[in-house]
């Protein structure tokens, strides 16, 4: 199974020639070229959801709206409906009141939430869970507590139950929020293949390799439970100097062990 995490830079940003209308086709082409089975998006506004849902008409979609009266499924998840059957779907807000829509805490600059799906392979019967999130970009206290909530949520499942966690964590491997994920049993898929958690920065401000940063990879795909990782890459594709987003997309190829847990 091929899974991607893609921060696509929100529609409303004042990005000039890098605005969404100028790069939406490129974004779809780059993602499609990776032959994904599951695509996890961050910063997805309603306009982008409409564009990419049309571009990936062979995919089913799920995404909770972040604000109580909002329209943007910020952390939407797309998956191949012909390959996977949806077992369950939900989400929660990364706050002290995770059941309250639009809630925030710990000086988080933005409302942050996690969306999740339980999917079952239609052929093998293997079941797994995908969690997609976006930690705060300002408050370190928020990042640490948001990571803690995600760890606590994942721990409700058996230790062998296959889970994948994707997202823009707004921090690299040196941050204590990443340490919290590790302590909670999550492993970095890139490190599982390449032996390092830091392939270089994944945020690049539409500049690609010309961007200089002292922050390493902030876009992550983690695995927990009976998940075998066989490949992992940073997707740095561009066309004529234009990039699909201000972040590189991250990909992993994984195998789910259908015999490692008892599905009910």
C-alpha atoms as a PDB file:
ATOM      1  CA  UNK A   1       0.000   0.000   0.000  1.00  0.00           C
ATOM      2  CA  UNK A   2       1.312   3.427  -0.939  1.00  0.00           C
ATOM      3  CA  UNK A   3       0.456   6.330   1.393  1.00  0.00           C
ATOM      4  CA  UNK A   4       1.235  10.033   0.929  1.00  0.00           C
ATOM      5  CA  UNK A   5       1.083  13.009   3.261  1.00  0.00           C
ATOM      6  CA  UNK A   6       0.640  16.319   1.442  1.00  0.00           C
ATOM      7  CA  UNK A   7       0.516  19.790   2.930  1.00  0.00           C
ATOM      8  CA  UNK A   8      -0.914  21.604  -0.097  1.00  0.00           C
ATOM      9  CA  UNK A   9      -0.763  25.217   1.221  1.00  0.00           C
ATOM     10  CA  UNK A  10      -4.180  26.706   1.854  1.00  0.00           C
ATOM     11  CA  UNK A  11      -6.274  28.274  -0.878  1.00  0.00           C
ATOM     12  CA  UNK A  12      -6.576  31.680   0.768  1.00  0.00           C
ATOM     13  CA  UNK A  13      -2.846  32.388   0.992  1.00  0.00           C
ATOM     14  CA  UNK A  14      -1.587  35.396  -0.969  1.00  0.00           C
ATOM     15  CA  UNK A  15       1.030  33.481  -2.954  1.00  0.00           C
ATOM     16  CA  UNK A  16       0.949  35.322  -6.280  1.00  0.00           C
ATOM     17  CA  UNK A  17       2.195  33.046  -9.064  1.00  0.00           C
ATOM     18  CA  UNK A  18       2.260  30.179  -6.572  1.00  0.00           C
ATOM     19  CA  UNK A  19      -1.425  30.555  -5.752  1.00  0.00           C
ATOM     20  CA  UNK A  20      -3.589  27.458  -5.891  1.00  0.00           C
ATOM     21  CA  UNK A  21      -5.178  28.286  -9.260  1.00  0.00           C
ATOM     22  CA  UNK A  22      -1.706  28.232 -10.846  1.00  0.00           C
ATOM     23  CA  UNK A  23      -0.542  24.946  -9.337  1.00  0.00           C
ATOM     24  CA  UNK A  24      -3.611  22.779  -8.748  1.00  0.00           C
ATOM     25  CA  UNK A  25      -3.096  20.742 -11.929  1.00  0.00           C
ATOM     26  CA  UNK A  26       0.586  20.272 -11.086  1.00  0.00           C
ATOM     27  CA  UNK A  27      -0.334  19.205  -7.564  1.00  0.00           C
ATOM     28  CA  UNK A  28      -2.690  16.545  -8.912  1.00  0.00           C
ATOM     29  CA  UNK A  29      -0.101  15.326 -11.435  1.00  0.00           C
ATOM     30  CA  UNK A  30       2.640  14.966  -8.837  1.00  0.00           C
ATOM     31  CA  UNK A  31       0.359  13.063  -6.477  1.00  0.00           C
ATOM     32  CA  UNK A  32      -1.010  10.830  -9.249  1.00  0.00           C
ATOM     33  CA  UNK A  33       2.537   9.999 -10.404  1.00  0.00           C
ATOM     34  CA  UNK A  34       3.153   8.321  -7.045  1.00  0.00           C
ATOM     35  CA  UNK A  35       0.313   5.806  -7.595  1.00  0.00           C
ATOM     36  CA  UNK A  36      -1.035   6.322  -4.063  1.00  0.00           C
ATOM     37  CA  UNK A  37      -3.647   4.184  -2.360  1.00  0.00           C
ATOM     38  CA  UNK A  38      -4.194   6.621   0.527  1.00  0.00           C
ATOM     39  CA  UNK A  39      -3.600  10.397   0.404  1.00  0.00           C
ATOM     40  CA  UNK A  40      -3.606  12.528   3.547  1.00  0.00           C
ATOM     41  CA  UNK A  41      -3.915  16.283   3.080  1.00  0.00           C
ATOM     42  CA  UNK A  42      -3.256  19.242   5.347  1.00  0.00           C
ATOM     43  CA  UNK A  43      -4.392  22.866   4.849  1.00  0.00           C
ATOM     44  CA  UNK A  44      -7.157  21.742   2.506  1.00  0.00           C
ATOM     45  CA  UNK A  45      -9.801  24.388   1.940  1.00  0.00           C
ATOM     46  CA  UNK A  46     -13.199  23.670   0.379  1.00  0.00           C
ATOM     47  CA  UNK A  47     -12.036  24.920  -3.040  1.00  0.00           C
ATOM     48  CA  UNK A  48      -9.063  22.563  -2.990  1.00  0.00           C
ATOM     49  CA  UNK A  49     -11.207  19.683  -1.832  1.00  0.00           C
ATOM     50  CA  UNK A  50     -13.521  20.223  -4.799  1.00  0.00           C
ATOM     51  CA  UNK A  51     -10.606  20.384  -7.256  1.00  0.00           C
ATOM     52  CA  UNK A  52      -8.800  17.310  -5.957  1.00  0.00           C
ATOM     53  CA  UNK A  53     -11.927  15.242  -5.385  1.00  0.00           C
ATOM     54  CA  UNK A  54     -12.680  15.790  -9.086  1.00  0.00           C
ATOM     55  CA  UNK A  55      -9.074  14.983 -10.065  1.00  0.00           C
ATOM     56  CA  UNK A  56      -9.178  11.772  -7.997  1.00  0.00           C
ATOM     57  CA  UNK A  57     -12.694  10.655  -8.788  1.00  0.00           C
ATOM     58  CA  UNK A  58     -11.667   7.025  -8.210  1.00  0.00           C
ATOM     59  CA  UNK A  59     -11.007   7.826  -4.529  1.00  0.00           C
ATOM     60  CA  UNK A  60     -13.423   8.000  -1.619  1.00  0.00           C
ATOM     61  CA  UNK A  61     -12.953  10.877   0.818  1.00  0.00           C
ATOM     62  CA  UNK A  62     -13.353  11.765   4.481  1.00  0.00           C
ATOM     63  CA  UNK A  63     -12.606  14.969   6.354  1.00  0.00           C
ATOM     64  CA  UNK A  64     -14.063  16.700   9.390  1.00  0.00           C
ATOM     65  CA  UNK A  65     -14.513  20.481   9.219  1.00  0.00           C
ATOM     66  CA  UNK A  66     -12.238  22.274  11.686  1.00  0.00           C
ATOM     67  CA  UNK A  67     -14.557  25.118  12.758  1.00  0.00           C
ATOM     68  CA  UNK A  68     -18.171  24.691  13.988  1.00  0.00           C
ATOM     69  CA  UNK A  69     -19.649  26.623  11.044  1.00  0.00           C
ATOM     70  CA  UNK A  70     -16.694  26.244   8.687  1.00  0.00           C
ATOM     71  CA  UNK A  71     -16.390  24.677   5.231  1.00  0.00           C
ATOM     72  CA  UNK A  72     -12.800  23.435   5.080  1.00  0.00           C
ATOM     73  CA  UNK A  73     -11.965  19.720   5.621  1.00  0.00           C
ATOM     74  CA  UNK A  74      -8.445  20.711   6.618  1.00  0.00           C
ATOM     75  CA  UNK A  75      -7.057  17.200   7.207  1.00  0.00           C
ATOM     76  CA  UNK A  76      -9.001  15.262   4.599  1.00  0.00           C
ATOM     77  CA  UNK A  77      -8.109  11.661   3.758  1.00  0.00           C
ATOM     78  CA  UNK A  78      -8.611  10.191   0.275  1.00  0.00           C
ATOM     79  CA  UNK A  79      -8.523   6.410  -0.316  1.00  0.00           C
ATOM     80  CA  UNK A  80      -9.182   4.023  -3.173  1.00  0.00           C
ATOM     81  CA  UNK A  81     -12.759   2.854  -2.766  1.00  0.00           C
ATOM     82  CA  UNK A  82     -12.215  -0.153  -5.018  1.00  0.00           C
ATOM     83  CA  UNK A  83      -9.359  -1.302  -2.768  1.00  0.00           C
ATOM     84  CA  UNK A  84     -10.578  -0.450   0.715  1.00  0.00           C
ATOM     85  CA  UNK A  85     -13.865  -0.600   2.576  1.00  0.00           C
ATOM     86  CA  UNK A  86     -14.505   2.026   5.240  1.00  0.00           C
ATOM     87  CA  UNK A  87     -15.122   0.398   8.627  1.00  0.00           C
ATOM     88  CA  UNK A  88     -15.374   3.549  10.725  1.00  0.00           C
ATOM     89  CA  UNK A  89     -14.436   7.215  10.611  1.00  0.00           C
ATOM     90  CA  UNK A  90     -14.206  10.058  13.099  1.00  0.00           C
ATOM     91  CA  UNK A  91     -11.881  12.650  14.595  1.00  0.00           C
ATOM     92  CA  UNK A  92     -11.222  14.889  17.546  1.00  0.00           C
ATOM     93  CA  UNK A  93      -9.889  18.346  18.345  1.00  0.00           C
ATOM     94  CA  UNK A  94      -6.391  18.690  19.776  1.00  0.00           C
ATOM     95  CA  UNK A  95      -7.424  20.531  22.903  1.00  0.00           C
ATOM     96  CA  UNK A  96      -8.404  19.953  26.530  1.00  0.00           C
ATOM     97  CA  UNK A  97     -11.965  19.402  25.251  1.00  0.00           C
ATOM     98  CA  UNK A  98     -11.383  17.178  22.192  1.00  0.00           C
ATOM     99  CA  UNK A  99     -15.106  16.570  21.718  1.00  0.00           C
ATOM    100  CA  UNK A 100     -15.883  20.294  21.330  1.00  0.00           C
ATOM    101  CA  UNK A 101     -15.777  21.457  17.673  1.00  0.00           C
ATOM    102  CA  UNK A 102     -13.370  24.308  17.054  1.00  0.00           C
ATOM    103  CA  UNK A 103     -11.750  24.126  20.492  1.00  0.00           C
ATOM    104  CA  UNK A 104      -8.113  24.964  21.086  1.00  0.00           C
ATOM    105  CA  UNK A 105      -5.748  25.032  24.080  1.00  0.00           C
ATOM    106  CA  UNK A 106      -2.163  25.519  25.254  1.00  0.00           C
ATOM    107  CA  UNK A 107      -1.798  28.806  23.345  1.00  0.00           C
ATOM    108  CA  UNK A 108      -2.319  27.051  20.032  1.00  0.00           C
ATOM    109  CA  UNK A 109      -2.364  29.713  17.321  1.00  0.00           C
ATOM    110  CA  UNK A 110      -4.844  27.729  15.228  1.00  0.00           C
ATOM    111  CA  UNK A 111      -7.607  25.216  15.722  1.00  0.00           C
ATOM    112  CA  UNK A 112      -5.971  21.803  15.286  1.00  0.00           C
ATOM    113  CA  UNK A 113      -7.628  18.425  14.923  1.00  0.00           C
ATOM    114  CA  UNK A 114      -7.029  14.834  13.874  1.00  0.00           C
ATOM    115  CA  UNK A 115      -9.175  12.904  11.403  1.00  0.00           C
ATOM    116  CA  UNK A 116      -9.074   9.126  11.310  1.00  0.00           C
ATOM    117  CA  UNK A 117     -10.351   6.205   9.279  1.00  0.00           C
ATOM    118  CA  UNK A 118     -10.457   2.469   9.850  1.00  0.00           C
ATOM    119  CA  UNK A 119     -10.137   0.748   6.475  1.00  0.00           C
ATOM    120  CA  UNK A 120     -10.264  -2.883   5.393  1.00  0.00           C
ATOM    121  CA  UNK A 121      -8.588  -4.308   2.316  1.00  0.00           C
ATOM    122  CA  UNK A 122     -11.337  -5.778   0.153  1.00  0.00           C
ATOM    123  CA  UNK A 123      -9.126  -8.665  -1.006  1.00  0.00           C
ATOM    124  CA  UNK A 124      -7.025  -9.678   2.001  1.00  0.00           C
ATOM    125  CA  UNK A 125      -9.381  -8.566   4.749  1.00  0.00           C
ATOM    126  CA  UNK A 126      -6.530  -6.718   6.468  1.00  0.00           C
ATOM    127  CA  UNK A 127      -7.763  -3.861   8.611  1.00  0.00           C
ATOM    128  CA  UNK A 128      -5.795  -0.771   9.592  1.00  0.00           C
ATOM    129  CA  UNK A 129      -6.247   2.761  10.834  1.00  0.00           C
ATOM    130  CA  UNK A 130      -5.059   6.052   9.306  1.00  0.00           C
ATOM    131  CA  UNK A 131      -4.777   9.185  11.472  1.00  0.00           C
ATOM    132  CA  UNK A 132      -4.111  12.524   9.767  1.00  0.00           C
ATOM    133  CA  UNK A 133      -3.228  15.696  11.657  1.00  0.00           C
ATOM    134  CA  UNK A 134      -1.458  19.067  11.666  1.00  0.00           C
ATOM    135  CA  UNK A 135       0.224  20.258  14.868  1.00  0.00           C
ATOM    136  CA  UNK A 136       0.429  23.924  15.771  1.00  0.00           C
ATOM    137  CA  UNK A 137       3.088  26.065  14.119  1.00  0.00           C
ATOM    138  CA  UNK A 138       3.647  28.540  16.986  1.00  0.00           C
ATOM    139  CA  UNK A 139       3.182  27.046  20.450  1.00  0.00           C
ATOM    140  CA  UNK A 140       5.638  24.379  21.587  1.00  0.00           C
ATOM    141  CA  UNK A 141       3.406  23.609  24.568  1.00  0.00           C
ATOM    142  CA  UNK A 142       0.552  22.982  22.142  1.00  0.00           C
ATOM    143  CA  UNK A 143       2.661  20.666  19.964  1.00  0.00           C
ATOM    144  CA  UNK A 144       3.680  18.603  22.971  1.00  0.00           C
ATOM    145  CA  UNK A 145       0.139  18.247  24.269  1.00  0.00           C
ATOM    146  CA  UNK A 146      -1.325  17.663  20.807  1.00  0.00           C
ATOM    147  CA  UNK A 147       1.166  14.823  20.315  1.00  0.00           C
ATOM    148  CA  UNK A 148       0.234  13.445  23.735  1.00  0.00           C
ATOM    149  CA  UNK A 149      -3.463  13.327  22.808  1.00  0.00           C
ATOM    150  CA  UNK A 150      -2.698  11.458  19.589  1.00  0.00           C
ATOM    151  CA  UNK A 151      -0.558   8.966  21.506  1.00  0.00           C
ATOM    152  CA  UNK A 152      -3.314   8.423  24.075  1.00  0.00           C
ATOM    153  CA  UNK A 153      -5.882   7.881  21.321  1.00  0.00           C
ATOM    154  CA  UNK A 154      -3.690   5.329  19.517  1.00  0.00           C
ATOM    155  CA  UNK A 155      -3.062   3.432  22.762  1.00  0.00           C
ATOM    156  CA  UNK A 156      -6.753   2.511  22.950  1.00  0.00           C
ATOM    157  CA  UNK A 157      -6.083  -0.049  20.203  1.00  0.00           C
ATOM    158  CA  UNK A 158      -4.234  -3.350  20.666  1.00  0.00           C
ATOM    159  CA  UNK A 159      -0.450  -3.014  20.416  1.00  0.00           C
ATOM    160  CA  UNK A 160      -0.398  -5.079  17.216  1.00  0.00           C
ATOM    161  CA  UNK A 161      -3.276  -3.238  15.538  1.00  0.00           C
ATOM    162  CA  UNK A 162      -1.854  -1.569  12.384  1.00  0.00           C
ATOM    163  CA  UNK A 163      -1.976   2.226  12.496  1.00  0.00           C
ATOM    164  CA  UNK A 164      -0.496   4.950  10.306  1.00  0.00           C
ATOM    165  CA  UNK A 165      -0.097   8.554  11.422  1.00  0.00           C
ATOM    166  CA  UNK A 166       0.510  11.300   8.876  1.00  0.00           C
ATOM    167  CA  UNK A 167       0.822  15.023   9.108  1.00  0.00           C
ATOM    168  CA  UNK A 168       2.675  18.274   9.206  1.00  0.00           C
ATOM    169  CA  UNK A 169       4.055  18.229  12.746  1.00  0.00           C
ATOM    170  CA  UNK A 170       5.670  21.678  12.405  1.00  0.00           C
ATOM    171  CA  UNK A 171       8.836  20.316  14.023  1.00  0.00           C
ATOM    172  CA  UNK A 172      11.723  18.003  13.229  1.00  0.00           C
ATOM    173  CA  UNK A 173      13.280  14.973  14.905  1.00  0.00           C
ATOM    174  CA  UNK A 174      14.969  17.062  17.626  1.00  0.00           C
ATOM    175  CA  UNK A 175      11.645  18.267  19.054  1.00  0.00           C
ATOM    176  CA  UNK A 176      10.080  16.794  22.201  1.00  0.00           C
ATOM    177  CA  UNK A 177       6.750  16.402  20.395  1.00  0.00           C
ATOM    178  CA  UNK A 178       8.407  13.874  18.077  1.00  0.00           C
ATOM    179  CA  UNK A 179       9.945  12.197  21.125  1.00  0.00           C
ATOM    180  CA  UNK A 180       6.410  11.829  22.516  1.00  0.00           C
ATOM    181  CA  UNK A 181       5.326   9.976  19.382  1.00  0.00           C
ATOM    182  CA  UNK A 182       8.345   7.655  19.635  1.00  0.00           C
ATOM    183  CA  UNK A 183       7.640   6.968  23.298  1.00  0.00           C
ATOM    184  CA  UNK A 184       4.063   6.124  22.365  1.00  0.00           C
ATOM    185  CA  UNK A 185       5.155   3.352  20.012  1.00  0.00           C
ATOM    186  CA  UNK A 186       5.155   5.252  16.713  1.00  0.00           C
ATOM    187  CA  UNK A 187       8.111   4.675  14.362  1.00  0.00           C
ATOM    188  CA  UNK A 188       9.122   6.956  11.519  1.00  0.00           C
ATOM    189  CA  UNK A 189       8.700   5.178   8.184  1.00  0.00           C
ATOM    190  CA  UNK A 190      11.565   7.105   6.587  1.00  0.00           C
ATOM    191  CA  UNK A 191      13.967   6.102   9.368  1.00  0.00           C
ATOM    192  CA  UNK A 192      12.780   2.481   9.123  1.00  0.00           C
ATOM    193  CA  UNK A 193      14.076   2.377   5.547  1.00  0.00           C
ATOM    194  CA  UNK A 194      16.967   4.844   5.505  1.00  0.00           C
ATOM    195  CA  UNK A 195      18.265   4.754   9.077  1.00  0.00           C
ATOM    196  CA  UNK A 196      17.740   8.472   9.704  1.00  0.00           C
ATOM    197  CA  UNK A 197      14.735  10.579  10.597  1.00  0.00           C
ATOM    198  CA  UNK A 198      16.175  13.666   8.917  1.00  0.00           C
ATOM    199  CA  UNK A 199      16.458  13.649   5.109  1.00  0.00           C
ATOM    200  CA  UNK A 200      16.566  17.462   5.151  1.00  0.00           C
ATOM    201  CA  UNK A 201      13.864  20.094   5.336  1.00  0.00           C
ATOM    202  CA  UNK A 202      10.426  19.319   3.915  1.00  0.00           C
ATOM    203  CA  UNK A 203       9.126  22.905   4.133  1.00  0.00           C
ATOM    204  CA  UNK A 204      10.761  24.977   1.389  1.00  0.00           C
ATOM    205  CA  UNK A 205       8.601  28.084   0.797  1.00  0.00           C
ATOM    206  CA  UNK A 206       8.154  27.229  -2.931  1.00  0.00           C
ATOM    207  CA  UNK A 207      11.946  27.469  -3.392  1.00  0.00           C
ATOM    208  CA  UNK A 208      12.826  23.778  -3.441  1.00  0.00           C
ATOM    209  CA  UNK A 209      16.519  23.017  -2.876  1.00  0.00           C
ATOM    210  CA  UNK A 210      17.355  26.750  -2.894  1.00  0.00           C
ATOM    211  CA  UNK A 211      15.602  27.186   0.454  1.00  0.00           C
ATOM    212  CA  UNK A 212      17.926  27.229   3.475  1.00  0.00           C
ATOM    213  CA  UNK A 213      16.604  26.040   6.816  1.00  0.00           C
ATOM    214  CA  UNK A 214      17.937  24.762  10.125  1.00  0.00           C
ATOM    215  CA  UNK A 215      14.702  22.792  10.669  1.00  0.00           C
ATOM    216  CA  UNK A 216      14.694  19.301   9.206  1.00  0.00           C
ATOM    217  CA  UNK A 217      11.742  17.247   8.027  1.00  0.00           C
ATOM    218  CA  UNK A 218       8.488  18.479   9.559  1.00  0.00           C
ATOM    219  CA  UNK A 219       6.163  16.288   7.444  1.00  0.00           C
ATOM    220  CA  UNK A 220       5.919  12.758   8.780  1.00  0.00           C
ATOM    221  CA  UNK A 221       4.472   9.307   8.183  1.00  0.00           C
ATOM    222  CA  UNK A 222       4.614   7.168  11.325  1.00  0.00           C
ATOM    223  CA  UNK A 223       3.612   3.528  11.769  1.00  0.00           C
ATOM    224  CA  UNK A 224       2.509   1.565  14.816  1.00  0.00           C
ATOM    225  CA  UNK A 225       1.622  -2.101  15.287  1.00  0.00           C
ATOM    226  CA  UNK A 226       1.827  -4.755  12.574  1.00  0.00           C
ATOM    227  CA  UNK A 227       3.051  -2.511   9.753  1.00  0.00           C
ATOM    228  CA  UNK A 228       6.082  -3.480   7.643  1.00  0.00           C
ATOM    229  CA  UNK A 229       7.698  -0.512   5.879  1.00  0.00           C
ATOM    230  CA  UNK A 230       9.276  -1.346   2.509  1.00  0.00           C
ATOM    231  CA  UNK A 231       9.961   2.098   1.002  1.00  0.00           C
ATOM    232  CA  UNK A 232       9.915   5.780   1.948  1.00  0.00           C
ATOM    233  CA  UNK A 233      10.697   8.924  -0.029  1.00  0.00           C
ATOM    234  CA  UNK A 234      10.587  12.690  -0.018  1.00  0.00           C
ATOM    235  CA  UNK A 235       8.772  13.808  -3.183  1.00  0.00           C
ATOM    236  CA  UNK A 236      10.585  16.855  -4.556  1.00  0.00           C
ATOM    237  CA  UNK A 237       9.084  16.895  -8.058  1.00  0.00           C
ATOM    238  CA  UNK A 238       8.680  20.218  -9.859  1.00  0.00           C
ATOM    239  CA  UNK A 239       7.924  21.475 -13.366  1.00  0.00           C
ATOM    240  CA  UNK A 240       9.790  24.426 -14.870  1.00  0.00           C
ATOM    241  CA  UNK A 241      10.810  25.645 -11.431  1.00  0.00           C
ATOM    242  CA  UNK A 242       7.285  25.479 -10.025  1.00  0.00           C
ATOM    243  CA  UNK A 243       6.432  23.228  -7.085  1.00  0.00           C
ATOM    244  CA  UNK A 244       3.030  21.753  -6.176  1.00  0.00           C
ATOM    245  CA  UNK A 245       3.232  23.232  -2.662  1.00  0.00           C
ATOM    246  CA  UNK A 246       5.501  25.020  -0.229  1.00  0.00           C
ATOM    247  CA  UNK A 247       6.142  21.611   1.371  1.00  0.00           C
ATOM    248  CA  UNK A 248       7.603  18.520  -0.208  1.00  0.00           C
ATOM    249  CA  UNK A 249       5.196  15.616  -0.065  1.00  0.00           C
ATOM    250  CA  UNK A 250       6.244  12.472   1.840  1.00  0.00           C
ATOM    251  CA  UNK A 251       5.512   8.906   0.704  1.00  0.00           C
ATOM    252  CA  UNK A 252       5.785   5.453   2.249  1.00  0.00           C
ATOM    253  CA  UNK A 253       5.059   1.958   1.006  1.00  0.00           C
ATOM    254  CA  UNK A 254       3.846  -0.384   3.720  1.00  0.00           C
ATOM    255  CA  UNK A 255       2.480  -3.896   4.159  1.00  0.00           C
ATOM    256  CA  UNK A 256      -0.298  -4.583   6.646  1.00  0.00           C
ATOM    257  CA  UNK A 257      -0.184  -7.973   8.356  1.00  0.00           C
ATOM    258  CA  UNK A 258      -3.753  -9.223   8.296  1.00  0.00           C
ATOM    259  CA  UNK A 259      -3.006 -12.083  10.706  1.00  0.00           C
ATOM    260  CA  UNK A 260      -1.460 -10.095  13.546  1.00  0.00           C
ATOM    261  CA  UNK A 261      -4.666  -9.110  15.312  1.00  0.00           C
ATOM    262  CA  UNK A 262      -8.235 -10.284  15.656  1.00  0.00           C
ATOM    263  CA  UNK A 263     -10.737  -8.133  13.776  1.00  0.00           C
ATOM    264  CA  UNK A 264     -14.245  -8.111  15.166  1.00  0.00           C
END
